[in-house]
Protein backbone atom coordinates (compact mmCIF):
# COMPACT_ATOMS: atom_id res chain seq x y z
CA MET A 1 26.64 -1.17 -39.21
CA THR A 2 23.25 0.56 -39.28
CA GLY A 3 21.95 2.32 -36.25
CA GLY A 4 19.15 -0.22 -35.88
CA SER A 5 21.41 -3.26 -36.01
CA GLY A 6 23.86 -1.59 -33.63
CA LEU A 7 21.06 -0.90 -31.16
CA ARG A 8 19.84 -4.48 -31.46
CA ARG A 9 23.30 -5.87 -30.81
CA ARG A 10 23.80 -3.67 -27.75
CA ALA A 11 20.36 -4.57 -26.50
CA VAL A 12 20.91 -8.31 -26.94
CA ARG A 13 24.31 -8.18 -25.32
CA GLY A 14 22.98 -5.97 -22.55
CA ALA A 15 20.28 -8.59 -21.98
CA GLY A 16 23.00 -11.22 -22.03
CA VAL A 17 25.06 -9.66 -19.30
CA THR A 18 21.90 -8.94 -17.30
CA VAL A 19 20.72 -12.54 -17.51
CA LEU A 20 24.24 -13.83 -16.79
CA SER A 21 24.54 -11.66 -13.71
CA GLN A 22 21.08 -12.68 -12.59
CA GLY A 23 22.17 -16.29 -13.06
CA VAL A 24 25.12 -15.69 -10.75
CA THR A 25 22.83 -13.90 -8.29
CA PHE A 26 20.41 -16.83 -8.57
CA ALA A 27 23.22 -19.23 -7.66
CA VAL A 28 24.30 -17.06 -4.73
CA GLN A 29 20.73 -16.83 -3.44
CA MET A 30 20.19 -20.56 -3.82
CA VAL A 31 23.31 -21.31 -1.78
CA ALA A 32 22.19 -18.79 0.83
CA THR A 33 18.70 -20.29 0.88
CA VAL A 34 20.03 -23.80 1.42
CA VAL A 35 22.47 -22.76 4.15
CA LEU A 36 20.23 -20.33 6.03
CA ALA A 37 17.22 -22.66 5.87
CA ARG A 38 19.25 -25.17 7.85
CA LEU A 39 20.64 -22.61 10.30
CA LEU A 40 17.40 -20.77 11.06
CA ALA A 41 13.80 -21.67 11.82
CA PRO A 42 10.85 -20.78 9.55
CA ALA A 43 9.65 -18.35 12.25
CA ASP A 44 12.94 -16.40 11.96
CA PHE A 45 12.21 -15.75 8.29
CA GLY A 46 8.61 -14.96 9.11
CA VAL A 47 9.31 -12.30 11.73
CA VAL A 48 11.71 -10.44 9.41
CA THR A 49 9.23 -10.69 6.54
CA MET A 50 6.61 -9.00 8.71
CA VAL A 51 8.85 -5.89 8.68
CA THR A 52 10.28 -6.04 5.16
CA THR A 53 6.77 -6.39 3.73
CA PHE A 54 6.41 -2.69 4.55
CA SER A 55 10.00 -1.42 4.37
CA VAL A 56 10.68 -2.60 0.81
CA LEU A 57 7.89 -0.37 -0.51
CA LEU A 58 9.54 2.66 1.08
CA VAL A 59 12.98 1.61 -0.14
CA SER A 60 11.53 1.56 -3.64
CA CYS A 61 10.34 5.17 -3.48
CA GLY A 62 13.54 6.26 -5.19
CA HIS A 63 14.42 3.08 -7.05
CA VAL A 64 11.10 3.02 -8.91
CA GLY A 65 10.05 5.96 -11.05
CA PHE A 66 13.11 8.18 -11.19
CA PRO A 67 15.35 5.58 -12.90
CA ASP A 68 12.59 4.87 -15.43
CA ALA A 69 12.30 8.61 -16.13
CA VAL A 70 16.06 8.84 -16.64
CA LEU A 71 15.96 5.92 -19.09
CA GLN A 72 12.89 7.13 -20.98
CA ARG A 73 13.84 10.82 -21.23
CA GLU A 74 15.50 11.88 -24.50
CA ASP A 75 18.16 13.99 -22.80
CA ILE A 76 19.33 14.80 -19.30
CA ASP A 77 22.03 17.19 -18.03
CA HIS A 78 24.08 17.65 -14.87
CA ARG A 79 21.72 20.15 -13.20
CA LEU A 80 18.62 18.03 -13.73
CA ALA A 81 20.39 14.89 -12.52
CA SER A 82 21.58 16.77 -9.43
CA ASN A 83 18.03 17.85 -8.62
CA LEU A 84 16.81 14.28 -8.89
CA PHE A 85 19.64 13.06 -6.67
CA TRP A 86 18.86 15.46 -3.83
CA MET A 87 15.13 14.81 -4.10
CA ASN A 88 15.85 11.11 -3.65
CA VAL A 89 18.11 11.60 -0.66
CA GLY A 90 15.72 14.03 1.04
CA LEU A 91 12.79 11.72 0.54
CA GLY A 92 14.85 8.76 1.76
CA LEU A 93 15.78 10.57 4.97
CA LEU A 94 12.16 11.47 5.74
CA LEU A 95 10.95 7.93 5.09
CA THR A 96 13.76 6.46 7.20
CA ILE A 97 12.72 8.52 10.20
CA GLY A 98 9.04 7.82 9.60
CA PHE A 99 9.44 4.05 9.29
CA ALA A 100 11.63 3.79 12.38
CA ALA A 101 8.93 5.63 14.33
CA THR A 102 6.17 3.23 13.19
CA GLY A 103 7.90 0.10 14.47
CA SER A 104 5.72 0.06 17.58
CA LEU A 105 2.60 0.01 15.41
CA LEU A 106 3.87 -3.09 13.62
CA ALA A 107 4.58 -4.72 16.96
CA LYS A 108 0.99 -4.05 18.09
CA PHE A 109 -0.56 -5.18 14.80
CA TYR A 110 1.19 -8.57 14.82
CA GLY A 111 1.42 -8.89 18.61
CA ASP A 112 5.20 -9.33 18.57
CA ALA A 113 7.42 -6.85 20.48
CA ARG A 114 10.51 -7.81 18.46
CA LEU A 115 9.20 -6.01 15.39
CA GLY A 116 9.81 -2.53 16.81
CA HIS A 117 13.56 -3.15 17.17
CA ILE A 118 13.81 -4.86 13.79
CA ALA A 119 12.00 -1.96 12.07
CA ALA A 120 14.39 0.59 13.62
CA ILE A 121 17.43 -1.16 12.10
CA ILE A 122 15.88 -2.01 8.73
CA SER A 123 14.71 1.62 8.30
CA LEU A 124 18.34 2.50 7.54
CA THR A 125 18.08 0.62 4.23
CA ILE A 126 15.75 3.35 2.93
CA LEU A 127 18.37 6.07 3.34
CA PHE A 128 21.27 3.97 2.06
CA ASP A 129 19.33 2.98 -1.06
CA SER A 130 18.39 6.57 -1.90
CA THR A 131 22.03 7.56 -2.40
CA SER A 132 22.66 5.05 -5.22
CA VAL A 133 19.54 5.58 -7.36
CA LEU A 134 20.79 8.23 -9.79
CA HIS A 135 24.24 6.73 -10.24
CA LEU A 136 22.80 3.33 -11.17
CA ALA A 137 20.21 4.93 -13.47
CA LEU A 138 22.87 6.89 -15.36
CA LEU A 139 24.96 3.77 -15.82
CA LYS A 140 21.93 1.95 -17.23
CA ARG A 141 21.15 4.90 -19.50
CA GLY A 142 24.63 4.55 -20.96
CA MET A 143 23.89 0.82 -21.38
CA CYS A 144 26.74 -0.02 -18.97
CA PHE A 145 24.88 -3.10 -17.82
CA ALA A 146 28.06 -5.04 -17.03
CA ALA A 147 29.06 -2.48 -14.39
CA VAL A 148 25.57 -2.43 -12.89
CA SER A 149 25.34 -6.21 -12.87
CA ALA A 150 28.77 -6.68 -11.31
CA ASN A 151 27.80 -4.26 -8.57
CA GLU A 152 24.58 -6.13 -7.85
CA ILE A 153 26.40 -9.47 -7.67
CA VAL A 154 29.02 -8.17 -5.26
CA SER A 155 26.34 -6.54 -3.11
CA ARG A 156 24.29 -9.72 -3.00
CA MET A 157 27.34 -11.75 -2.05
CA ALA A 158 28.15 -9.29 0.73
CA SER A 159 24.61 -9.57 2.07
CA VAL A 160 24.70 -13.36 1.98
CA ALA A 161 28.13 -13.49 3.63
CA VAL A 162 26.97 -11.28 6.51
CA SER A 163 23.78 -13.30 7.08
CA THR A 164 25.56 -16.65 6.87
CA CYS A 165 28.38 -15.70 9.27
CA MET A 166 25.93 -14.32 11.80
CA GLY A 167 23.67 -17.34 11.36
CA TYR A 168 26.55 -19.67 12.18
CA ALA A 169 27.33 -17.51 15.22
CA GLY A 170 23.80 -18.07 16.51
CA PHE A 171 22.26 -14.62 16.04
CA GLY A 172 18.97 -16.04 14.74
CA TYR A 173 16.70 -13.61 12.94
CA TRP A 174 19.23 -10.78 13.48
CA SER A 175 21.44 -12.46 10.89
CA LEU A 176 18.72 -11.84 8.31
CA VAL A 177 18.31 -8.23 9.44
CA ALA A 178 22.05 -7.63 9.07
CA GLY A 179 22.00 -9.09 5.56
CA VAL A 180 19.12 -6.81 4.58
CA VAL A 181 21.12 -3.75 5.67
CA ALA A 182 24.42 -4.93 4.15
CA TYR A 183 22.96 -5.08 0.62
CA PRO A 184 22.18 -1.35 0.07
CA VAL A 185 25.40 -0.29 1.82
CA SER A 186 27.46 -2.38 -0.59
CA LEU A 187 25.30 -1.31 -3.56
CA THR A 188 25.88 2.37 -2.82
CA ILE A 189 29.64 1.98 -2.42
CA GLY A 190 29.81 0.12 -5.75
CA ALA A 191 27.56 2.60 -7.57
CA TRP A 192 29.67 5.60 -6.59
CA SER A 193 32.93 3.83 -7.46
CA ARG A 194 31.68 2.80 -10.93
CA CYS A 195 29.93 6.08 -11.73
CA ARG A 196 32.18 8.93 -10.70
CA TRP A 197 29.62 11.62 -11.37
CA VAL A 198 29.30 14.00 -8.39
CA PRO A 199 25.99 15.85 -7.96
CA GLY A 200 25.90 19.61 -7.74
CA GLY A 201 23.59 21.69 -5.60
CA PRO A 202 19.83 21.66 -6.13
CA GLY A 203 18.13 24.50 -8.01
CA ARG A 204 15.34 25.46 -10.40
CA VAL A 205 15.82 23.46 -13.60
CA ALA A 206 13.47 23.16 -16.59
CA GLY A 207 12.20 19.63 -16.95
CA THR A 208 12.27 18.73 -13.26
CA GLY A 209 8.50 18.92 -13.00
CA SER A 210 7.88 16.59 -15.95
CA VAL A 211 10.37 14.05 -14.61
CA VAL A 212 8.77 14.15 -11.18
CA ARG A 213 5.30 13.64 -12.68
CA PHE A 214 6.54 10.71 -14.76
CA ALA A 215 8.25 9.20 -11.71
CA ALA A 216 5.16 9.76 -9.55
CA HIS A 217 2.95 7.90 -12.01
CA VAL A 218 5.40 5.00 -12.20
CA PHE A 219 5.81 4.80 -8.43
CA ALA A 220 2.06 5.03 -7.89
CA ARG A 221 1.66 2.08 -10.25
CA TYR A 222 4.47 0.23 -8.51
CA SER A 223 2.87 0.89 -5.12
CA ILE A 224 -0.39 -0.64 -6.26
CA GLY A 225 1.51 -3.64 -7.63
CA TYR A 226 3.56 -3.92 -4.46
CA ILE A 227 0.49 -3.86 -2.26
CA THR A 228 -1.03 -6.51 -4.51
CA GLN A 229 2.06 -8.67 -4.28
CA ASN A 230 2.39 -8.35 -0.51
CA THR A 231 -1.20 -8.60 0.64
CA ASP A 232 -0.63 -12.34 0.73
CA ASN A 233 2.20 -11.91 3.26
CA LEU A 234 0.04 -9.62 5.36
CA LEU A 235 -2.90 -12.04 5.37
CA VAL A 236 -0.85 -15.18 6.00
CA GLY A 237 1.19 -13.57 8.80
CA TRP A 238 -1.88 -12.06 10.44
CA ARG A 239 -4.05 -15.19 10.14
CA PHE A 240 -1.56 -18.02 10.61
CA GLY A 241 1.48 -16.50 12.41
CA PRO A 242 5.25 -16.14 11.70
CA GLY A 243 5.90 -19.88 11.28
CA ALA A 244 3.36 -20.27 8.47
CA LEU A 245 4.48 -16.99 6.93
CA GLY A 246 8.11 -18.13 6.93
CA VAL A 247 7.20 -21.34 5.09
CA TYR A 248 4.94 -19.55 2.62
CA LYS A 249 7.46 -16.77 1.96
CA LYS A 250 10.22 -19.27 1.24
CA ALA A 251 8.00 -20.99 -1.35
CA TYR A 252 7.09 -17.62 -2.87
CA ASP A 253 10.74 -16.51 -3.05
CA LEU A 254 11.61 -19.68 -4.94
CA PHE A 255 8.63 -19.06 -7.23
CA VAL A 256 9.85 -15.59 -8.24
CA LEU A 257 13.50 -16.61 -8.65
CA PRO A 258 12.99 -17.48 -12.36
CA PHE A 259 11.58 -13.98 -12.85
CA ALA A 260 14.59 -12.46 -11.09
CA LEU A 261 16.83 -14.64 -13.25
CA LEU A 262 15.26 -13.82 -16.62
CA THR A 263 13.85 -10.32 -16.30
CA ILE A 264 15.52 -7.79 -18.61
CA TYR A 265 13.40 -4.77 -17.70
CA PRO A 266 16.08 -2.03 -17.75
CA VAL A 267 17.52 -3.30 -21.04
CA ALA A 268 14.09 -3.69 -22.65
CA VAL A 269 12.75 -0.29 -21.56
CA SER A 270 15.98 1.47 -22.58
CA THR A 271 15.92 -0.23 -26.00
CA LEU A 272 12.19 0.07 -26.76
CA SER A 273 12.20 3.75 -25.74
CA ARG A 274 14.60 4.38 -28.64
CA LEU A 275 12.18 2.79 -31.12
CA ASN A 276 9.02 4.79 -30.37
CA ARG A 277 9.06 6.41 -33.81
CA ASP A 278 9.30 3.12 -35.69
CA ARG A 279 6.26 1.06 -34.66
CA ASP A 280 7.07 -1.89 -36.93
CA GLN A 281 10.54 -2.29 -35.50
CA TYR A 282 9.19 -1.69 -31.99
CA THR A 283 6.69 -4.52 -32.43
CA ARG A 284 9.32 -6.90 -33.81
CA TYR A 285 11.65 -6.24 -30.89
CA LEU A 286 8.85 -6.62 -28.35
CA LEU A 287 7.46 -9.85 -29.79
CA GLY A 288 10.96 -11.26 -30.17
CA GLY A 289 11.59 -10.77 -26.47
CA ILE A 290 8.20 -12.18 -25.47
CA THR A 291 8.65 -15.36 -27.51
CA VAL A 292 12.08 -16.05 -25.98
CA LEU A 293 10.62 -15.58 -22.49
CA ALA A 294 7.69 -17.81 -23.40
CA LEU A 295 9.95 -20.60 -24.71
CA VAL A 296 12.17 -20.60 -21.63
CA GLY A 297 9.50 -19.69 -19.08
CA MET A 298 6.94 -22.30 -20.01
CA GLY A 299 9.66 -24.94 -19.95
CA MET A 300 10.75 -23.87 -16.48
CA GLY A 301 7.14 -23.74 -15.31
CA GLY A 302 6.51 -27.31 -16.40
CA ILE A 303 9.63 -28.63 -14.67
CA LEU A 304 8.96 -26.76 -11.44
CA THR A 305 5.35 -27.92 -11.32
CA LEU A 306 6.41 -31.55 -11.66
CA SER A 307 9.51 -31.48 -9.44
CA GLY A 308 9.07 -28.45 -7.20
CA ARG A 309 8.19 -30.41 -4.08
CA ASP A 310 11.18 -32.71 -4.49
CA LEU A 311 13.56 -29.84 -5.20
CA VAL A 312 12.50 -27.86 -2.12
CA ARG A 313 12.84 -30.90 0.11
CA LEU A 314 16.30 -31.70 -1.23
CA MET A 315 17.52 -28.12 -0.90
CA LEU A 316 16.00 -27.02 2.39
CA GLY A 317 15.47 -30.21 4.37
CA GLU A 318 12.44 -32.01 5.77
CA LYS A 319 11.32 -29.19 8.06
CA TRP A 320 10.47 -27.19 4.90
CA GLU A 321 8.38 -29.93 3.28
CA GLU A 322 5.22 -27.82 3.46
CA ALA A 323 7.03 -25.12 1.47
CA GLY A 324 7.49 -27.74 -1.26
CA ARG A 325 3.77 -28.46 -1.37
CA ILE A 326 3.02 -24.74 -1.60
CA PHE A 327 5.66 -24.27 -4.28
CA THR A 328 4.02 -26.91 -6.48
CA LEU A 329 0.91 -24.72 -6.62
CA PHE A 330 3.04 -21.77 -7.72
CA GLY A 331 4.66 -23.82 -10.50
CA PRO A 332 1.99 -23.44 -13.21
CA GLY A 333 2.29 -19.66 -12.84
CA VAL A 334 6.04 -19.39 -13.50
CA GLY A 335 5.91 -19.21 -17.29
CA VAL A 336 2.83 -17.02 -17.54
CA MET A 337 4.29 -14.66 -14.91
CA LEU A 338 7.29 -14.04 -17.17
CA ILE A 339 5.07 -13.38 -20.18
CA TYR A 340 2.66 -11.19 -18.22
CA SER A 341 5.42 -9.00 -16.80
CA THR A 342 6.34 -7.68 -20.25
CA TYR A 343 3.15 -5.64 -20.59
CA GLY A 344 4.70 -3.09 -18.23
CA MET A 345 7.59 -2.59 -20.67
CA ILE A 346 5.08 -1.29 -23.20
CA HIS A 347 3.67 1.33 -20.83
CA LEU A 348 7.07 2.55 -19.65
CA SER A 349 8.71 2.66 -23.08
CA ILE A 350 5.92 4.68 -24.72
CA GLY A 351 5.30 6.87 -21.67
CA THR A 352 1.70 5.82 -20.89
CA THR A 353 2.29 5.80 -17.13
CA GLY A 354 -1.26 6.95 -16.39
CA ARG A 355 -2.66 3.89 -18.11
CA PHE A 356 -0.04 1.78 -16.33
CA PHE A 357 -1.36 3.03 -12.99
CA ARG A 358 -5.00 2.44 -13.91
CA TRP A 359 -4.25 -1.13 -14.94
CA GLY A 360 -2.56 -1.62 -11.57
CA MET A 361 -5.87 -0.87 -9.89
CA VAL A 362 -7.55 -3.60 -11.94
CA GLU A 363 -4.74 -6.02 -11.10
CA PHE A 364 -5.05 -5.19 -7.42
CA ALA A 365 -8.81 -5.74 -7.34
CA VAL A 366 -8.69 -9.10 -9.12
CA THR A 367 -5.70 -10.52 -7.22
CA VAL A 368 -6.75 -9.45 -3.72
CA LEU A 369 -10.27 -10.75 -4.34
CA LEU A 370 -8.75 -14.12 -5.20
CA PHE A 371 -6.64 -14.00 -2.00
CA PHE A 372 -9.71 -13.52 0.16
CA LEU A 373 -11.62 -16.23 -1.67
CA THR A 374 -8.84 -18.78 -1.14
CA LEU A 375 -7.60 -17.78 2.34
CA ARG A 376 -9.81 -20.45 3.92
CA TRP A 377 -7.46 -23.06 2.46
CA GLY A 378 -4.44 -21.51 4.12
CA PRO A 379 -1.11 -20.65 2.45
CA ARG A 380 -1.72 -23.27 -0.24
CA GLY A 381 -4.93 -21.54 -1.28
CA VAL A 382 -3.17 -18.17 -1.48
CA ALA A 383 -0.44 -19.69 -3.66
CA ALA A 384 -3.06 -21.10 -6.03
CA ALA A 385 -4.69 -17.65 -6.18
CA TRP A 386 -1.42 -16.17 -7.49
CA THR A 387 -1.26 -18.67 -10.34
CA VAL A 388 -4.90 -18.14 -11.29
CA SER A 389 -4.50 -14.35 -11.25
CA TYR A 390 -1.73 -14.36 -13.87
CA TRP A 391 -3.74 -16.54 -16.26
CA VAL A 392 -6.89 -14.47 -15.81
CA LEU A 393 -5.15 -11.11 -16.36
CA LEU A 394 -2.79 -12.05 -19.21
CA ALA A 395 -4.92 -11.21 -22.27
CA PRO A 396 -6.65 -8.11 -20.80
CA ALA A 397 -3.29 -6.63 -19.73
CA PHE A 398 -1.84 -6.78 -23.24
CA TRP A 399 -5.08 -5.58 -24.79
CA TYR A 400 -5.03 -2.46 -22.60
CA ALA A 401 -1.28 -1.80 -22.90
CA GLY A 402 -1.24 -2.21 -26.68
CA ARG A 403 -4.16 0.06 -27.57
CA PRO A 404 -2.14 3.34 -27.84
CA ILE A 405 0.20 1.75 -30.41
CA GLN A 406 -2.41 -0.44 -32.16
CA LEU A 407 -0.78 -3.63 -30.87
CA ARG A 408 -3.48 -6.29 -31.01
CA VAL A 409 -3.68 -8.80 -28.18
CA SER A 410 -4.21 -11.54 -30.78
CA VAL A 411 -0.69 -10.86 -32.07
CA VAL A 412 0.81 -11.36 -28.62
CA LEU A 413 -1.22 -14.49 -27.90
CA GLY A 414 -0.37 -15.82 -31.34
CA ALA A 415 3.31 -15.54 -30.45
CA VAL A 416 3.05 -17.55 -27.21
CA TRP A 417 0.17 -20.06 -27.36
CA ARG A 418 2.27 -22.85 -28.85
CA TYR A 419 4.72 -22.72 -25.96
CA ILE A 420 1.84 -22.84 -23.47
CA LEU A 421 0.30 -25.85 -25.19
CA ALA A 422 3.69 -27.58 -25.54
CA SER A 423 4.34 -27.20 -21.80
CA ALA A 424 0.89 -28.53 -20.89
CA LEU A 425 1.20 -31.56 -23.18
CA ALA A 426 4.73 -32.37 -22.03
CA GLY A 427 3.82 -31.94 -18.36
CA PHE A 428 0.72 -34.12 -18.53
CA THR A 429 2.53 -36.87 -20.45
CA SER A 430 5.54 -36.76 -18.10
CA ALA A 431 3.28 -37.14 -15.06
CA LEU A 432 1.64 -40.19 -16.62
CA ILE A 433 4.99 -41.79 -17.43
CA ILE A 434 6.43 -41.23 -13.93
CA GLY A 435 3.17 -42.41 -12.36
CA ALA A 436 3.44 -45.68 -14.28
CA PHE A 437 6.40 -46.62 -12.05
CA PRO A 438 4.97 -46.61 -8.48
CA SER A 439 8.28 -47.45 -6.81
CA LEU A 440 9.82 -44.32 -8.32
CA ALA A 441 6.78 -42.06 -7.98
CA ARG A 442 6.34 -42.80 -4.25
CA ALA A 443 10.00 -42.96 -3.22
CA SER A 444 10.95 -40.68 -0.31
CA ASP A 445 14.60 -41.48 0.37
CA PRO A 446 17.04 -38.80 -0.91
CA VAL A 447 18.74 -41.01 -3.51
CA ASN A 448 15.51 -42.03 -5.22
CA VAL A 449 14.16 -38.49 -4.97
CA VAL A 450 17.22 -37.24 -6.87
CA ILE A 451 16.71 -39.99 -9.45
CA ARG A 452 13.04 -38.98 -9.83
CA VAL A 453 13.98 -35.34 -10.36
CA VAL A 454 16.61 -36.21 -13.00
CA VAL A 455 14.29 -38.63 -14.82
CA THR A 456 11.46 -36.08 -14.79
CA LEU A 457 13.77 -33.39 -16.13
CA ILE A 458 14.93 -35.59 -19.01
CA ILE A 459 11.46 -36.82 -19.94
CA PHE A 460 9.82 -33.40 -19.76
CA GLY A 461 12.70 -31.68 -21.54
CA CYS A 462 12.59 -34.08 -24.49
CA LEU A 463 8.81 -33.96 -24.75
CA TYR A 464 8.71 -30.16 -24.48
CA VAL A 465 11.30 -29.63 -27.20
CA ALA A 466 9.53 -32.15 -29.44
CA ALA A 467 6.16 -30.46 -28.88
CA VAL A 468 7.60 -27.00 -29.64
CA ILE A 469 9.07 -28.27 -32.91
CA LEU A 470 5.86 -30.07 -33.92
CA LEU A 471 3.58 -27.13 -33.12
CA HIS A 472 5.82 -24.70 -35.03
CA ARG A 473 6.47 -27.28 -37.77
CA SER A 474 10.14 -26.35 -37.59
CA SER A 475 13.02 -25.93 -35.17
CA ASP A 476 13.17 -22.16 -35.80
CA PRO A 477 12.32 -21.20 -32.18
CA LEU A 478 15.24 -23.25 -30.89
CA ARG A 479 17.60 -21.84 -33.51
CA ARG A 480 16.52 -18.29 -32.66
CA LEU A 481 17.12 -18.95 -28.98
CA ALA A 482 20.55 -20.37 -29.74
CA GLY A 483 21.34 -17.33 -31.89
CA VAL A 484 20.30 -14.93 -29.13
CA LEU A 485 22.43 -16.83 -26.62
CA ARG A 486 25.46 -16.61 -28.92
CA GLU A 487 24.97 -12.85 -29.36
CA MET A 488 24.68 -12.34 -25.62
CA VAL A 489 28.18 -13.57 -24.87
CA PRO A 490 30.81 -11.14 -26.24
CA LEU A 491 29.67 -8.15 -24.24
CA ALA A 492 32.45 -6.54 -22.29
CA ALA A 493 34.57 -5.07 -25.09
CA SER A 494 31.62 -3.74 -27.07
CA GLU A 495 30.03 -2.23 -24.00
CA ARG A 496 33.19 -0.33 -23.19
CA LYS A 497 33.33 0.90 -26.77
CA SER A 498 29.68 2.02 -26.90
CA ALA A 499 29.95 3.53 -23.46
CA GLY A 500 33.25 5.21 -24.31
CA ILE A 501 30.85 6.85 -23.42
CA ASN A 502 30.58 10.44 -23.06
CA MET A 503 28.74 9.19 -20.05
CA VAL A 504 29.09 9.11 -16.33
CA GLY A 505 31.91 6.98 -15.10
CA ASP A 506 34.52 8.39 -17.46
CA ALA A 507 34.23 11.96 -16.22
CA ASP A 508 37.25 12.72 -14.11
CA SER A 509 36.28 16.23 -13.17
CA ALA A 510 33.96 16.51 -10.20
CA GLY A 511 30.50 17.60 -11.08
CA ALA A 512 30.87 17.04 -14.82
CA LEU A 513 28.00 15.20 -16.43
CA PRO A 514 28.56 14.89 -20.20
CA SER A 515 25.61 14.63 -22.50
CA THR A 516 23.54 11.51 -22.01
CA SER A 517 21.08 12.01 -24.83
CA THR A 518 19.89 8.79 -26.42
CA HIS A 519 21.27 10.14 -29.68
CA SER A 520 24.79 10.43 -28.28
CA VAL A 521 25.22 6.69 -27.82
CA SER A 522 26.22 5.46 -31.23
């Protein structure tokens, strides 16, 4: 087997286990969403969101930047990894103390005294998360995605179990707070048990400065993106209160679930970083991933636009009906969000983090401007602004990201436009067909709503597949997708073999970090 084909197989199977685990996580989150939505009020979700809107950014100080540097760097040794570990923990401790102290400011800003107590407890997640960053990054560097994914699933299940049990016991919003804290605690325990590397003491190590600069650029870009993605929560909570924010946030969480289900960022960045010297192969791998995401994403976007309101009502109950209306406005952005997200893989894999940050400023300006322009229409207007922002920024983002490697935006758009058109045609035709049967289109009882969802799914699915085949003049896209799915399955044995790993996790002696150079993984 050639090195290139071996890398491709590991990458595809790594993507497979990642998507599979995200599918399990998706199922767990959906069950939790259905159960907790019936146990708690929208305002309970809203008051916790008012705190996590800020805390998640601080939690991500270690989880964003340093792991990307570990994945992108050609080699890393025990001393450098130890330095990064202690930097993360030290920073996490400082941020934990700082966030706990600012709880009173949040309470004053929103006019809700509960926020100070909630912030004090949730601040602990910052410290807990900082202790797992390096261990998870080293596992990903060794392409041990099965171990990482299993850990994330178990941690998510622990979080859901804690929240659900406390919700049944009548703890209200505190059940959500407890679930938020339970996740990083479980994640850290799992990370240390699967990666038995033990950090040494900090010291002066060549390369630390370059890693820190890389990580700082990535985190600065992430911070801009995070502020962009959470300005909506800030505006809705400030303008319309915790009840409206709870409803809006639930619709938004359902909107981003397909992204959480299908994103393969760690696999893609790890793989593409190994192909920097072969631009032709790099481009083929990148476009191959984008087209698969476009095929699946535009199909999901069409279905969720047509049936999103019905699905939310069936899952969450009538008191969340407004969330269904909001979710329908998010629907047309699902597919393009998945496509758009891949531009960041280009920046990270080729090391252009400065450009990544500068594009984040453009993204922030455009998206926040749209939020302010649509705020007069309430949470629905803000949801529509999200969808519009992805469509407006799609082509410019790939144009800017691709310039250093001479990747033309026309090549990217040429790979996805047929899926976009197929989804639009299938969605429009499906709406006309369902609308031709008024008794079905206007039904509100649960049985007929389920029937409408199933009928819509069948009609849209058939039309979408037919349109994809006609626009491509062949069934090649479907065959390629089927081939990728087949390759994704037999992962576990091959991962153990490739990770046999002169890599963390198999080192029995404390403090030993074998070579993790990209060239050592054969």
